[in-house]
Amino acid sequence: MSKRDTIKNKLIDLISRTFCISKDVLQTHNKSLLSAELGLNAIALTYLFFLVQNEFDFLFSKQILDQNRFDSVENITDLILVELAHNKNGLHP
C-alpha cells in the first residue's frame, strides 16, 4: 500500500468515525464533503480541519492552504501529503 493510500484510508476512517458516514461512500465520493449527498456543513468541515491536524500531528501552513482546497477526501489527502513532506514528520506509529 502506498503512503497516499495509507493516508487516504486513515482520513476516511477519521471522517467515518466522526460523522457516521459509510467508508464505502467516502471511498467512491469524489465531490465536496459539503455536498448534499454527505450532508456536512461548514462547522463540520472546520472541526475536521482541526481533527486532521491532531491526527497527523502537524499544523497546516497558510501557504499550503492558500494553494489547495480542503473540501474533499482526495484534496485533503493531497494537502496532508504536501504538509507531511514539508514537515518530514511521517505518520504517527
Protein backbone atom coordinates (compact mmCIF):
# COMPACT_ATOMS: atom_id res chain seq x y z
CA MET A 1 0.00 0.00 0.00
CA SER A 2 1.37 3.40 -0.96
CA LYS A 3 1.82 6.26 1.50
CA ARG A 4 -1.03 8.09 -0.25
CA ASP A 5 -3.35 5.10 0.18
CA THR A 6 -2.39 4.80 3.85
CA ILE A 7 -3.14 8.47 4.46
CA LYS A 8 -6.39 8.34 2.49
CA ASN A 9 -7.58 5.28 4.42
CA LYS A 10 -6.69 6.92 7.74
CA LEU A 11 -8.58 10.06 6.68
CA ILE A 12 -11.62 8.06 5.57
CA ASP A 13 -11.62 6.20 8.88
CA LEU A 14 -11.45 9.51 10.77
CA ILE A 15 -14.33 11.03 8.80
CA SER A 16 -16.41 7.85 9.06
CA ARG A 17 -15.97 7.59 12.85
CA THR A 18 -16.55 11.27 13.48
CA PHE A 19 -19.52 11.93 11.20
CA CYS A 20 -21.06 8.43 10.86
CA ILE A 21 -20.60 8.29 7.10
CA SER A 22 -20.04 4.92 5.43
CA LYS A 23 -16.44 4.23 4.43
CA ASP A 24 -17.72 2.86 1.10
CA VAL A 25 -19.45 6.16 0.35
CA LEU A 26 -16.33 8.14 1.25
CA GLN A 27 -14.08 5.96 -0.90
CA THR A 28 -16.20 6.45 -4.00
CA HIS A 29 -17.38 10.03 -3.43
CA ASN A 30 -15.09 12.48 -5.25
CA LYS A 31 -17.18 15.58 -4.66
CA SER A 32 -17.01 18.15 -1.91
CA LEU A 33 -17.69 16.96 1.63
CA LEU A 34 -20.17 19.84 1.74
CA SER A 35 -22.30 18.25 -0.99
CA ALA A 36 -25.90 17.28 -0.27
CA GLU A 37 -25.05 13.57 -0.53
CA LEU A 38 -22.79 13.69 2.53
CA GLY A 39 -24.56 16.40 4.46
CA LEU A 40 -21.58 18.01 6.17
CA ASN A 41 -21.70 21.73 6.82
CA ALA A 42 -19.03 24.41 7.26
CA ILE A 43 -18.83 23.82 11.01
CA ALA A 44 -18.24 20.09 10.48
CA LEU A 45 -15.54 20.84 7.89
CA THR A 46 -13.86 23.23 10.33
CA TYR A 47 -13.96 20.54 13.02
CA LEU A 48 -12.46 18.07 10.55
CA PHE A 49 -9.68 20.55 9.81
CA PHE A 50 -8.58 20.50 13.45
CA LEU A 51 -9.04 16.73 13.77
CA VAL A 52 -6.77 16.16 10.77
CA GLN A 53 -4.06 18.36 12.25
CA ASN A 54 -4.29 16.45 15.51
CA GLU A 55 -4.44 13.00 13.90
CA PHE A 56 -1.43 13.62 11.66
CA ASP A 57 0.49 15.74 14.21
CA PHE A 58 1.13 18.92 12.23
CA LEU A 59 -0.34 22.35 11.62
CA PHE A 60 -1.36 23.28 8.09
CA SER A 61 0.69 26.18 6.79
CA LYS A 62 -1.14 29.19 5.41
CA GLN A 63 0.80 28.93 2.14
CA ILE A 64 -0.29 25.34 1.51
CA LEU A 65 -3.91 26.12 2.41
CA ASP A 66 -3.90 29.15 0.10
CA GLN A 67 -2.79 26.97 -2.81
CA ASN A 68 -5.09 23.96 -2.21
CA ARG A 69 -8.67 23.11 -1.32
CA PHE A 70 -9.79 21.47 1.94
CA ASP A 71 -13.09 20.17 0.61
CA SER A 72 -12.92 16.52 -0.48
CA VAL A 73 -11.23 13.30 0.59
CA GLU A 74 -8.90 13.48 -2.40
CA ASN A 75 -7.97 17.14 -1.87
CA ILE A 76 -7.46 16.71 1.88
CA THR A 77 -5.29 13.65 1.23
CA ASP A 78 -3.16 15.73 -1.14
CA LEU A 79 -2.89 18.50 1.47
CA ILE A 80 -1.76 16.04 4.12
CA LEU A 81 0.89 14.60 1.78
CA VAL A 82 2.24 18.06 0.97
CA GLU A 83 2.29 19.07 4.62
CA LEU A 84 3.99 15.87 5.74
CA ALA A 85 6.61 16.30 3.03
CA HIS A 86 7.31 19.82 4.27
CA ASN A 87 7.40 18.77 7.93
CA LYS A 88 9.15 15.45 7.34
CA ASN A 89 7.37 14.09 10.43
CA GLY A 90 5.89 11.00 8.80
CA LEU A 91 2.81 9.25 10.13
CA HIS A 92 2.13 8.50 13.76
CA PRO A 93 3.03 4.95 14.67
